Amino acid sequence: GPAGVGGVCLSGHSDVVPVDGQPWSTDPFTLTPVDDKVYGRG
């Protein structure tokens, strides 16, 4: 949109917490759809 104007900011972080030692049923870094959900770290 127009530059130099105060608008609405959508903010989110890119980092995630570790998966070390957690008993995942799927690859945490491969988005996996199951029924009405998608699984993956983050």
PDB file of all heavy atoms in Angstrom:
ATOM      1  N   GLY A   1       0.827  -1.194   0.000  1.00  0.00           N
ATOM      2  CA  GLY A   1       0.000   0.000   0.000  1.00  0.00           C
ATOM      3  C   GLY A   1       0.862   1.244   0.000  1.00  0.00           C
ATOM      4  O   GLY A   1       2.077   1.176  -0.215  1.00  0.00           O
ATOM      5  N   PRO A   2       0.261   2.403   0.253  1.00  0.00           N
ATOM      6  CA  PRO A   2       1.002   3.669   0.170  1.00  0.00           C
ATOM      7  C   PRO A   2       2.159   3.716   1.150  1.00  0.00           C
ATOM      8  O   PRO A   2       2.049   3.285   2.304  1.00  0.00           O
ATOM      9  CB  PRO A   2      -0.065   4.730   0.498  1.00  0.00           C
ATOM     10  CG  PRO A   2      -1.159   3.983   1.192  1.00  0.00           C
ATOM     11  CD  PRO A   2      -1.145   2.609   0.624  1.00  0.00           C
ATOM     12  N   ALA A   3       3.301   4.216   0.700  1.00  0.00           N
ATOM     13  CA  ALA A   3       4.505   4.269   1.524  1.00  0.00           C
ATOM     14  C   ALA A   3       4.469   5.466   2.475  1.00  0.00           C
ATOM     15  O   ALA A   3       3.803   6.471   2.218  1.00  0.00           O
ATOM     16  CB  ALA A   3       5.739   4.354   0.632  1.00  0.00           C
ATOM     17  N   GLY A   4       5.182   5.321   3.573  1.00  0.00           N
ATOM     18  CA  GLY A   4       5.336   6.418   4.512  1.00  0.00           C
ATOM     19  C   GLY A   4       4.105   6.753   5.313  1.00  0.00           C
ATOM     20  O   GLY A   4       4.005   7.830   5.900  1.00  0.00           O
ATOM     21  N   VAL A   5       3.143   5.854   5.329  1.00  0.00           N
ATOM     22  CA  VAL A   5       1.886   6.090   6.043  1.00  0.00           C
ATOM     23  C   VAL A   5       1.735   5.039   7.134  1.00  0.00           C
ATOM     24  O   VAL A   5       2.042   3.870   6.929  1.00  0.00           O
ATOM     25  CB  VAL A   5       0.679   6.017   5.074  1.00  0.00           C
ATOM     26  CG1 VAL A   5      -0.617   6.276   5.819  1.00  0.00           C
ATOM     27  CG2 VAL A   5       0.858   6.996   3.931  1.00  0.00           C
ATOM     28  N   GLY A   6       1.257   5.453   8.279  1.00  0.00           N
ATOM     29  CA  GLY A   6       1.044   4.506   9.368  1.00  0.00           C
ATOM     30  C   GLY A   6      -0.214   3.702   9.149  1.00  0.00           C
ATOM     31  O   GLY A   6      -1.329   4.233   9.189  1.00  0.00           O
ATOM     32  N   GLY A   7      -0.064   2.434   8.882  1.00  0.00           N
ATOM     33  CA  GLY A   7      -1.222   1.585   8.654  1.00  0.00           C
ATOM     34  C   GLY A   7      -1.400   0.562   9.759  1.00  0.00           C
ATOM     35  O   GLY A   7      -1.206   0.862  10.933  1.00  0.00           O
ATOM     36  N   VAL A   8      -1.754  -0.651   9.378  1.00  0.00           N
ATOM     37  CA  VAL A   8      -1.983  -1.739  10.326  1.00  0.00           C
ATOM     38  C   VAL A   8      -0.858  -2.747  10.170  1.00  0.00           C
ATOM     39  O   VAL A   8      -0.590  -3.235   9.058  1.00  0.00           O
ATOM     40  CB  VAL A   8      -3.340  -2.421  10.077  1.00  0.00           C
ATOM     41  CG1 VAL A   8      -3.548  -3.564  11.064  1.00  0.00           C
ATOM     42  CG2 VAL A   8      -4.475  -1.400  10.181  1.00  0.00           C
ATOM     43  N   CYS A   9      -0.194  -3.065  11.256  1.00  0.00           N
ATOM     44  CA  CYS A   9       0.933  -3.998  11.238  1.00  0.00           C
ATOM     45  C   CYS A   9       0.457  -5.385  11.648  1.00  0.00           C
ATOM     46  O   CYS A   9      -0.218  -5.537  12.677  1.00  0.00           O
ATOM     47  CB  CYS A   9       2.033  -3.521  12.183  1.00  0.00           C
ATOM     48  SG  CYS A   9       3.498  -4.587  12.195  1.00  0.00           S
ATOM     49  N   LEU A  10       0.803  -6.390  10.849  1.00  0.00           N
ATOM     50  CA  LEU A  10       0.571  -7.796  11.170  1.00  0.00           C
ATOM     51  C   LEU A  10       1.920  -8.394  11.542  1.00  0.00           C
ATOM     52  O   LEU A  10       2.829  -8.430  10.701  1.00  0.00           O
ATOM     53  CB  LEU A  10      -0.038  -8.528   9.979  1.00  0.00           C
ATOM     54  CG  LEU A  10      -1.339  -7.955   9.426  1.00  0.00           C
ATOM     55  CD1 LEU A  10      -1.747  -8.683   8.147  1.00  0.00           C
ATOM     56  CD2 LEU A  10      -2.456  -8.036  10.467  1.00  0.00           C
ATOM     57  N   SER A  11       2.052  -8.849  12.763  1.00  0.00           N
ATOM     58  CA  SER A  11       3.368  -9.257  13.256  1.00  0.00           C
ATOM     59  C   SER A  11       3.370 -10.693  13.741  1.00  0.00           C
ATOM     60  O   SER A  11       2.432 -11.133  14.416  1.00  0.00           O
ATOM     61  CB  SER A  11       3.814  -8.328  14.397  1.00  0.00           C
ATOM     62  OG  SER A  11       5.094  -8.703  14.877  1.00  0.00           O
ATOM     63  N   GLY A  12       4.443 -11.409  13.410  1.00  0.00           N
ATOM     64  CA  GLY A  12       4.593 -12.780  13.890  1.00  0.00           C
ATOM     65  C   GLY A  12       6.055 -13.182  13.945  1.00  0.00           C
ATOM     66  O   GLY A  12       6.876 -12.655  13.191  1.00  0.00           O
ATOM     67  N   HIS A  13       6.365 -14.131  14.816  1.00  0.00           N
ATOM     68  CA  HIS A  13       7.764 -14.569  14.942  1.00  0.00           C
ATOM     69  C   HIS A  13       8.007 -15.823  14.115  1.00  0.00           C
ATOM     70  O   HIS A  13       7.109 -16.657  13.931  1.00  0.00           O
ATOM     71  CB  HIS A  13       8.138 -14.806  16.407  1.00  0.00           C
ATOM     72  CG  HIS A  13       7.361 -15.870  17.110  1.00  0.00           C
ATOM     73  ND1 HIS A  13       7.684 -17.216  17.027  1.00  0.00           N
ATOM     74  CD2 HIS A  13       6.288 -15.817  17.935  1.00  0.00           C
ATOM     75  CE1 HIS A  13       6.854 -17.923  17.771  1.00  0.00           C
ATOM     76  NE2 HIS A  13       5.977 -17.096  18.319  1.00  0.00           N
ATOM     77  N   SER A  14       9.218 -15.955  13.639  1.00  0.00           N
ATOM     78  CA  SER A  14       9.584 -17.077  12.771  1.00  0.00           C
ATOM     79  C   SER A  14      10.212 -18.238  13.528  1.00  0.00           C
ATOM     80  O   SER A  14      10.320 -19.336  12.982  1.00  0.00           O
ATOM     81  CB  SER A  14      10.572 -16.605  11.698  1.00  0.00           C
ATOM     82  OG  SER A  14      11.772 -16.128  12.300  1.00  0.00           O
ATOM     83  N   ASP A  15      10.672 -18.020  14.760  1.00  0.00           N
ATOM     84  CA  ASP A  15      11.362 -19.091  15.481  1.00  0.00           C
ATOM     85  C   ASP A  15      10.380 -20.020  16.175  1.00  0.00           C
ATOM     86  O   ASP A  15       9.225 -19.652  16.441  1.00  0.00           O
ATOM     87  CB  ASP A  15      12.375 -18.527  16.483  1.00  0.00           C
ATOM     88  CG  ASP A  15      11.730 -17.647  17.560  1.00  0.00           C
ATOM     89  OD1 ASP A  15      10.857 -16.829  17.212  1.00  0.00           O
ATOM     90  OD2 ASP A  15      12.093 -17.780  18.742  1.00  0.00           O
ATOM     91  N   VAL A  16      10.846 -21.238  16.442  1.00  0.00           N
ATOM     92  CA  VAL A  16      10.041 -22.254  17.111  1.00  0.00           C
ATOM     93  C   VAL A  16      10.857 -22.866  18.241  1.00  0.00           C
ATOM     94  O   VAL A  16      12.075 -22.703  18.312  1.00  0.00           O
ATOM     95  CB  VAL A  16       9.598 -23.371  16.124  1.00  0.00           C
ATOM     96  CG1 VAL A  16       8.719 -22.797  15.033  1.00  0.00           C
ATOM     97  CG2 VAL A  16      10.807 -24.084  15.518  1.00  0.00           C
ATOM     98  N   VAL A  17      10.172 -23.598  19.123  1.00  0.00           N
ATOM     99  CA  VAL A  17      10.856 -24.259  20.233  1.00  0.00           C
ATOM    100  C   VAL A  17      11.418 -25.606  19.770  1.00  0.00           C
ATOM    101  O   VAL A  17      10.998 -26.146  18.746  1.00  0.00           O
ATOM    102  CB  VAL A  17       9.901 -24.466  21.429  1.00  0.00           C
ATOM    103  CG1 VAL A  17       9.433 -23.131  21.973  1.00  0.00           C
ATOM    104  CG2 VAL A  17       8.715 -25.339  21.039  1.00  0.00           C
ATOM    105  N   PRO A  18      12.368 -26.173  20.514  1.00  0.00           N
ATOM    106  CA  PRO A  18      12.987 -27.442  20.093  1.00  0.00           C
ATOM    107  C   PRO A  18      12.009 -28.613  20.114  1.00  0.00           C
ATOM    108  O   PRO A  18      11.005 -28.605  20.836  1.00  0.00           O
ATOM    109  CB  PRO A  18      14.108 -27.648  21.136  1.00  0.00           C
ATOM    110  CG  PRO A  18      14.342 -26.305  21.744  1.00  0.00           C
ATOM    111  CD  PRO A  18      13.031 -25.605  21.707  1.00  0.00           C
ATOM    112  N   VAL A  19      12.348 -29.624  19.316  1.00  0.00           N
ATOM    113  CA  VAL A  19      11.604 -30.886  19.321  1.00  0.00           C
ATOM    114  C   VAL A  19      12.394 -31.983  20.026  1.00  0.00           C
ATOM    115  O   VAL A  19      11.912 -33.116  20.140  1.00  0.00           O
ATOM    116  CB  VAL A  19      11.267 -31.349  17.879  1.00  0.00           C
ATOM    117  CG1 VAL A  19      10.427 -30.310  17.169  1.00  0.00           C
ATOM    118  CG2 VAL A  19      12.550 -31.636  17.088  1.00  0.00           C
ATOM    119  N   ASP A  20      13.584 -31.659  20.515  1.00  0.00           N
ATOM    120  CA  ASP A  20      14.478 -32.651  21.122  1.00  0.00           C
ATOM    121  C   ASP A  20      13.768 -33.456  22.204  1.00  0.00           C
ATOM    122  O   ASP A  20      13.190 -32.883  23.141  1.00  0.00           O
ATOM    123  CB  ASP A  20      15.700 -31.970  21.745  1.00  0.00           C
ATOM    124  CG  ASP A  20      16.426 -31.051  20.784  1.00  0.00           C
ATOM    125  OD1 ASP A  20      15.751 -30.414  19.963  1.00  0.00           O
ATOM    126  OD2 ASP A  20      17.660 -30.957  20.854  1.00  0.00           O
ATOM    127  N   GLY A  21      13.834 -34.775  22.090  1.00  0.00           N
ATOM    128  CA  GLY A  21      13.301 -35.657  23.119  1.00  0.00           C
ATOM    129  C   GLY A  21      11.798 -35.797  23.117  1.00  0.00           C
ATOM    130  O   GLY A  21      11.251 -36.536  23.945  1.00  0.00           O
ATOM    131  N   GLN A  22      11.101 -35.121  22.210  1.00  0.00           N
ATOM    132  CA  GLN A  22       9.641 -35.209  22.183  1.00  0.00           C
ATOM    133  C   GLN A  22       9.199 -36.378  21.298  1.00  0.00           C
ATOM    134  O   GLN A  22       9.755 -36.577  20.221  1.00  0.00           O
ATOM    135  CB  GLN A  22       9.026 -33.903  21.663  1.00  0.00           C
ATOM    136  CG  GLN A  22       9.217 -32.714  22.584  1.00  0.00           C
ATOM    137  CD  GLN A  22       8.461 -31.484  22.098  1.00  0.00           C
ATOM    138  OE1 GLN A  22       8.118 -31.356  20.928  1.00  0.00           O
ATOM    139  NE2 GLN A  22       8.203 -30.559  23.010  1.00  0.00           N
ATOM    140  N   PRO A  23       8.189 -37.132  21.733  1.00  0.00           N
ATOM    141  CA  PRO A  23       7.740 -38.311  20.968  1.00  0.00           C
ATOM    142  C   PRO A  23       6.767 -37.952  19.850  1.00  0.00           C
ATOM    143  O   PRO A  23       5.559 -38.142  19.955  1.00  0.00           O
ATOM    144  CB  PRO A  23       7.067 -39.166  22.040  1.00  0.00           C
ATOM    145  CG  PRO A  23       6.529 -38.174  23.038  1.00  0.00           C
ATOM    146  CD  PRO A  23       7.509 -37.032  23.053  1.00  0.00           C
ATOM    147  N   TRP A  24       7.288 -37.430  18.751  1.00  0.00           N
ATOM    148  CA  TRP A  24       6.448 -37.059  17.613  1.00  0.00           C
ATOM    149  C   TRP A  24       5.998 -38.296  16.842  1.00  0.00           C
ATOM    150  O   TRP A  24       6.770 -39.253  16.657  1.00  0.00           O
ATOM    151  CB  TRP A  24       7.215 -36.122  16.679  1.00  0.00           C
ATOM    152  CG  TRP A  24       7.269 -34.701  17.158  1.00  0.00           C
ATOM    153  CD1 TRP A  24       8.034 -34.213  18.180  1.00  0.00           C
ATOM    154  CD2 TRP A  24       6.529 -33.602  16.643  1.00  0.00           C
ATOM    155  NE1 TRP A  24       7.812 -32.862  18.335  1.00  0.00           N
ATOM    156  CE2 TRP A  24       6.902 -32.461  17.400  1.00  0.00           C
ATOM    157  CE3 TRP A  24       5.607 -33.456  15.618  1.00  0.00           C
ATOM    158  CZ2 TRP A  24       6.362 -31.202  17.154  1.00  0.00           C
ATOM    159  CZ3 TRP A  24       5.077 -32.198  15.371  1.00  0.00           C
ATOM    160  CH2 TRP A  24       5.442 -31.080  16.134  1.00  0.00           C
ATOM    161  N   SER A  25       4.774 -38.257  16.342  1.00  0.00           N
ATOM    162  CA  SER A  25       4.254 -39.330  15.504  1.00  0.00           C
ATOM    163  C   SER A  25       4.579 -39.102  14.036  1.00  0.00           C
ATOM    164  O   SER A  25       4.481 -40.027  13.224  1.00  0.00           O
ATOM    165  CB  SER A  25       2.733 -39.448  15.663  1.00  0.00           C
ATOM    166  OG  SER A  25       2.389 -39.668  17.021  1.00  0.00           O
ATOM    167  N   THR A  26       4.922 -37.846  13.685  1.00  0.00           N
ATOM    168  CA  THR A  26       5.256 -37.485  12.309  1.00  0.00           C
ATOM    169  C   THR A  26       6.563 -36.708  12.322  1.00  0.00           C
ATOM    170  O   THR A  26       7.070 -36.320  13.388  1.00  0.00           O
ATOM    171  CB  THR A  26       4.149 -36.621  11.687  1.00  0.00           C
ATOM    172  OG1 THR A  26       4.038 -35.388  12.437  1.00  0.00           O
ATOM    173  CG2 THR A  26       2.810 -37.327  11.712  1.00  0.00           C
ATOM    174  N   ASP A  27       7.109 -36.460  11.144  1.00  0.00           N
ATOM    175  CA  ASP A  27       8.291 -35.607  11.026  1.00  0.00           C
ATOM    176  C   ASP A  27       7.881 -34.180  11.402  1.00  0.00           C
ATOM    177  O   ASP A  27       7.031 -33.583  10.733  1.00  0.00           O
ATOM    178  CB  ASP A  27       8.816 -35.647   9.590  1.00  0.00           C
ATOM    179  CG  ASP A  27      10.044 -34.764   9.388  1.00  0.00           C
ATOM    180  OD1 ASP A  27      10.411 -33.997  10.293  1.00  0.00           O
ATOM    181  OD2 ASP A  27      10.631 -34.833   8.289  1.00  0.00           O
ATOM    182  N   PRO A  28       8.455 -33.617  12.469  1.00  0.00           N
ATOM    183  CA  PRO A  28       8.009 -32.289  12.920  1.00  0.00           C
ATOM    184  C   PRO A  28       8.250 -31.175  11.910  1.00  0.00           C
ATOM    185  O   PRO A  28       7.609 -30.131  11.987  1.00  0.00           O
ATOM    186  CB  PRO A  28       8.804 -32.056  14.209  1.00  0.00           C
ATOM    187  CG  PRO A  28       9.962 -32.998  14.133  1.00  0.00           C
ATOM    188  CD  PRO A  28       9.495 -34.174  13.351  1.00  0.00           C
ATOM    189  N   PHE A  29       9.159 -31.401  10.951  1.00  0.00           N
ATOM    190  CA  PHE A  29       9.456 -30.356   9.978  1.00  0.00           C
ATOM    191  C   PHE A  29       8.905 -30.686   8.587  1.00  0.00           C
ATOM    192  O   PHE A  29       9.355 -30.141   7.580  1.00  0.00           O
ATOM    193  CB  PHE A  29      10.963 -30.092   9.937  1.00  0.00           C
ATOM    194  CG  PHE A  29      11.481 -29.591  11.263  1.00  0.00           C
ATOM    195  CD1 PHE A  29      12.234 -30.408  12.084  1.00  0.00           C
ATOM    196  CD2 PHE A  29      11.177 -28.315  11.710  1.00  0.00           C
ATOM    197  CE1 PHE A  29      12.691 -29.966  13.314  1.00  0.00           C
ATOM    198  CE2 PHE A  29      11.621 -27.854  12.936  1.00  0.00           C
ATOM    199  CZ  PHE A  29      12.384 -28.686  13.751  1.00  0.00           C
ATOM    200  N   THR A  30       7.926 -31.572   8.568  1.00  0.00           N
ATOM    201  CA  THR A  30       7.154 -31.835   7.357  1.00  0.00           C
ATOM    202  C   THR A  30       5.681 -31.659   7.697  1.00  0.00           C
ATOM    203  O   THR A  30       5.149 -32.383   8.556  1.00  0.00           O
ATOM    204  CB  THR A  30       7.388 -33.264   6.843  1.00  0.00           C
ATOM    205  OG1 THR A  30       8.771 -33.422   6.513  1.00  0.00           O
ATOM    206  CG2 THR A  30       6.545 -33.540   5.608  1.00  0.00           C
ATOM    207  N   LEU A  31       5.025 -30.687   7.086  1.00  0.00           N
ATOM    208  CA  LEU A  31       3.616 -30.451   7.395  1.00  0.00           C
ATOM    209  C   LEU A  31       2.808 -31.676   6.965  1.00  0.00           C
ATOM    210  O   LEU A  31       2.851 -32.092   5.803  1.00  0.00           O
ATOM    211  CB  LEU A  31       3.115 -29.209   6.673  1.00  0.00           C
ATOM    212  CG  LEU A  31       1.730 -28.728   7.132  1.00  0.00           C
ATOM    213  CD1 LEU A  31       1.804 -28.146   8.540  1.00  0.00           C
ATOM    214  CD2 LEU A  31       1.180 -27.689   6.148  1.00  0.00           C
ATOM    215  N   THR A  32       2.080 -32.246   7.916  1.00  0.00           N
ATOM    216  CA  THR A  32       1.371 -33.504   7.677  1.00  0.00           C
ATOM    217  C   THR A  32      -0.115 -33.330   7.942  1.00  0.00           C
ATOM    218  O   THR A  32      -0.519 -33.084   9.083  1.00  0.00           O
ATOM    219  CB  THR A  32       1.929 -34.612   8.585  1.00  0.00           C
ATOM    220  OG1 THR A  32       3.342 -34.723   8.384  1.00  0.00           O
ATOM    221  CG2 THR A  32       1.270 -35.945   8.287  1.00  0.00           C
ATOM    222  N   PRO A  33      -0.952 -33.448   6.898  1.00  0.00           N
ATOM    223  CA  PRO A  33      -2.400 -33.339   7.121  1.00  0.00           C
ATOM    224  C   PRO A  33      -2.978 -34.646   7.652  1.00  0.00           C
ATOM    225  O   PRO A  33      -2.657 -35.728   7.154  1.00  0.00           O
ATOM    226  CB  PRO A  33      -2.943 -33.025   5.720  1.00  0.00           C
ATOM    227  CG  PRO A  33      -1.944 -33.619   4.781  1.00  0.00           C
ATOM    228  CD  PRO A  33      -0.608 -33.569   5.462  1.00  0.00           C
ATOM    229  N   VAL A  34      -3.804 -34.536   8.672  1.00  0.00           N
ATOM    230  CA  VAL A  34      -4.537 -35.682   9.212  1.00  0.00           C
ATOM    231  C   VAL A  34      -5.944 -35.196   9.531  1.00  0.00           C
ATOM    232  O   VAL A  34      -6.135 -34.354  10.425  1.00  0.00           O
ATOM    233  CB  VAL A  34      -3.870 -36.262  10.479  1.00  0.00           C
ATOM    234  CG1 VAL A  34      -4.694 -37.444  10.999  1.00  0.00           C
ATOM    235  CG2 VAL A  34      -2.443 -36.692  10.198  1.00  0.00           C
ATOM    236  N   ASP A  35      -6.933 -35.715   8.781  1.00  0.00           N
ATOM    237  CA  ASP A  35      -8.327 -35.305   8.956  1.00  0.00           C
ATOM    238  C   ASP A  35      -8.450 -33.790   8.795  1.00  0.00           C
ATOM    239  O   ASP A  35      -8.081 -33.250   7.769  1.00  0.00           O
ATOM    240  CB  ASP A  35      -8.855 -35.796  10.307  1.00  0.00           C
ATOM    241  CG  ASP A  35      -8.848 -37.314  10.412  1.00  0.00           C
ATOM    242  OD1 ASP A  35      -9.043 -37.971   9.379  1.00  0.00           O
ATOM    243  OD2 ASP A  35      -8.627 -37.836  11.531  1.00  0.00           O
ATOM    244  N   ASP A  36      -8.900 -33.097   9.846  1.00  0.00           N
ATOM    245  CA  ASP A  36      -9.141 -31.663   9.742  1.00  0.00           C
ATOM    246  C   ASP A  36      -8.035 -30.832  10.382  1.00  0.00           C
ATOM    247  O   ASP A  36      -8.241 -29.679  10.748  1.00  0.00           O
ATOM    248  CB  ASP A  36     -10.483 -31.315  10.392  1.00  0.00           C
ATOM    249  CG  ASP A  36     -10.540 -31.720  11.873  1.00  0.00           C
ATOM    250  OD1 ASP A  36      -9.638 -32.465  12.326  1.00  0.00           O
ATOM    251  OD2 ASP A  36     -11.482 -31.303  12.569  1.00  0.00           O
ATOM    252  N   LYS A  37      -6.835 -31.414  10.505  1.00  0.00           N
ATOM    253  CA  LYS A  37      -5.710 -30.726  11.132  1.00  0.00           C
ATOM    254  C   LYS A  37      -4.470 -30.883  10.258  1.00  0.00           C
ATOM    255  O   LYS A  37      -4.393 -31.781   9.420  1.00  0.00           O
ATOM    256  CB  LYS A  37      -5.413 -31.309  12.517  1.00  0.00           C
ATOM    257  CG  LYS A  37      -6.597 -31.358  13.470  1.00  0.00           C
ATOM    258  CD  LYS A  37      -6.191 -32.042  14.775  1.00  0.00           C
ATOM    259  CE  LYS A  37      -7.360 -32.133  15.754  1.00  0.00           C
ATOM    260  NZ  LYS A  37      -8.401 -33.094  15.276  1.00  0.00           N
ATOM    261  N   VAL A  38      -3.508 -29.991  10.476  1.00  0.00           N
ATOM    262  CA  VAL A  38      -2.185 -30.167   9.878  1.00  0.00           C
ATOM    263  C   VAL A  38      -1.159 -30.109  11.006  1.00  0.00           C
ATOM    264  O   VAL A  38      -1.217 -29.235  11.872  1.00  0.00           O
ATOM    265  CB  VAL A  38      -1.873 -29.116   8.798  1.00  0.00           C
ATOM    266  CG1 VAL A  38      -2.633 -29.417   7.531  1.00  0.00           C
ATOM    267  CG2 VAL A  38      -2.165 -27.704   9.279  1.00  0.00           C
ATOM    268  N   TYR A  39      -0.232 -31.075  10.976  1.00  0.00           N
ATOM    269  CA  TYR A  39       0.737 -31.244  12.056  1.00  0.00           C
ATOM    270  C   TYR A  39       2.113 -30.758  11.623  1.00  0.00           C
ATOM    271  O   TYR A  39       2.516 -30.934  10.468  1.00  0.00           O
ATOM    272  CB  TYR A  39       0.830 -32.723  12.453  1.00  0.00           C
ATOM    273  CG  TYR A  39      -0.393 -33.253  13.162  1.00  0.00           C
ATOM    274  CD1 TYR A  39      -1.548 -33.555  12.461  1.00  0.00           C
ATOM    275  CD2 TYR A  39      -0.383 -33.444  14.542  1.00  0.00           C
ATOM    276  CE1 TYR A  39      -2.679 -34.040  13.114  1.00  0.00           C
ATOM    277  CE2 TYR A  39      -1.508 -33.934  15.205  1.00  0.00           C
ATOM    278  CZ  TYR A  39      -2.648 -34.227  14.479  1.00  0.00           C
ATOM    279  OH  TYR A  39      -3.761 -34.712  15.135  1.00  0.00           O
ATOM    280  N   GLY A  40       2.848 -30.199  12.561  1.00  0.00           N
ATOM    281  CA  GLY A  40       4.216 -29.774  12.300  1.00  0.00           C
ATOM    282  C   GLY A  40       4.652 -28.748  13.324  1.00  0.00           C
ATOM    283  O   GLY A  40       3.821 -27.998  13.862  1.00  0.00           O
ATOM    284  N   ARG A  41       5.965 -28.706  13.604  1.00  0.00           N
ATOM    285  CA  ARG A  41       6.456 -27.721  14.569  1.00  0.00           C
ATOM    286  C   ARG A  41       6.265 -26.308  14.018  1.00  0.00           C
ATOM    287  O   ARG A  41       6.688 -25.996  12.905  1.00  0.00           O
ATOM    288  CB  ARG A  41       7.939 -27.979  14.859  1.00  0.00           C
ATOM    289  CG  ARG A  41       8.580 -26.945  15.753  1.00  0.00           C
ATOM    290  CD  ARG A  41       7.838 -26.758  17.100  1.00  0.00           C
ATOM    291  NE  ARG A  41       8.302 -27.646  18.135  1.00  0.00           N
ATOM    292  CZ  ARG A  41       7.496 -28.257  19.004  1.00  0.00           C
ATOM    293  NH1 ARG A  41       6.183 -28.098  18.922  1.00  0.00           N
ATOM    294  NH2 ARG A  41       7.986 -29.029  19.936  1.00  0.00           N
ATOM    295  N   GLY A  42       5.607 -25.494  14.793  1.00  0.00           N
ATOM    296  CA  GLY A  42       5.321 -24.125  14.397  1.00  0.00           C
ATOM    297  C   GLY A  42       4.017 -23.953  13.653  1.00  0.00           C
ATOM    298  O   GLY A  42       3.614 -22.824  13.370  1.00  0.00           O
TER     299      GLY A  42
END
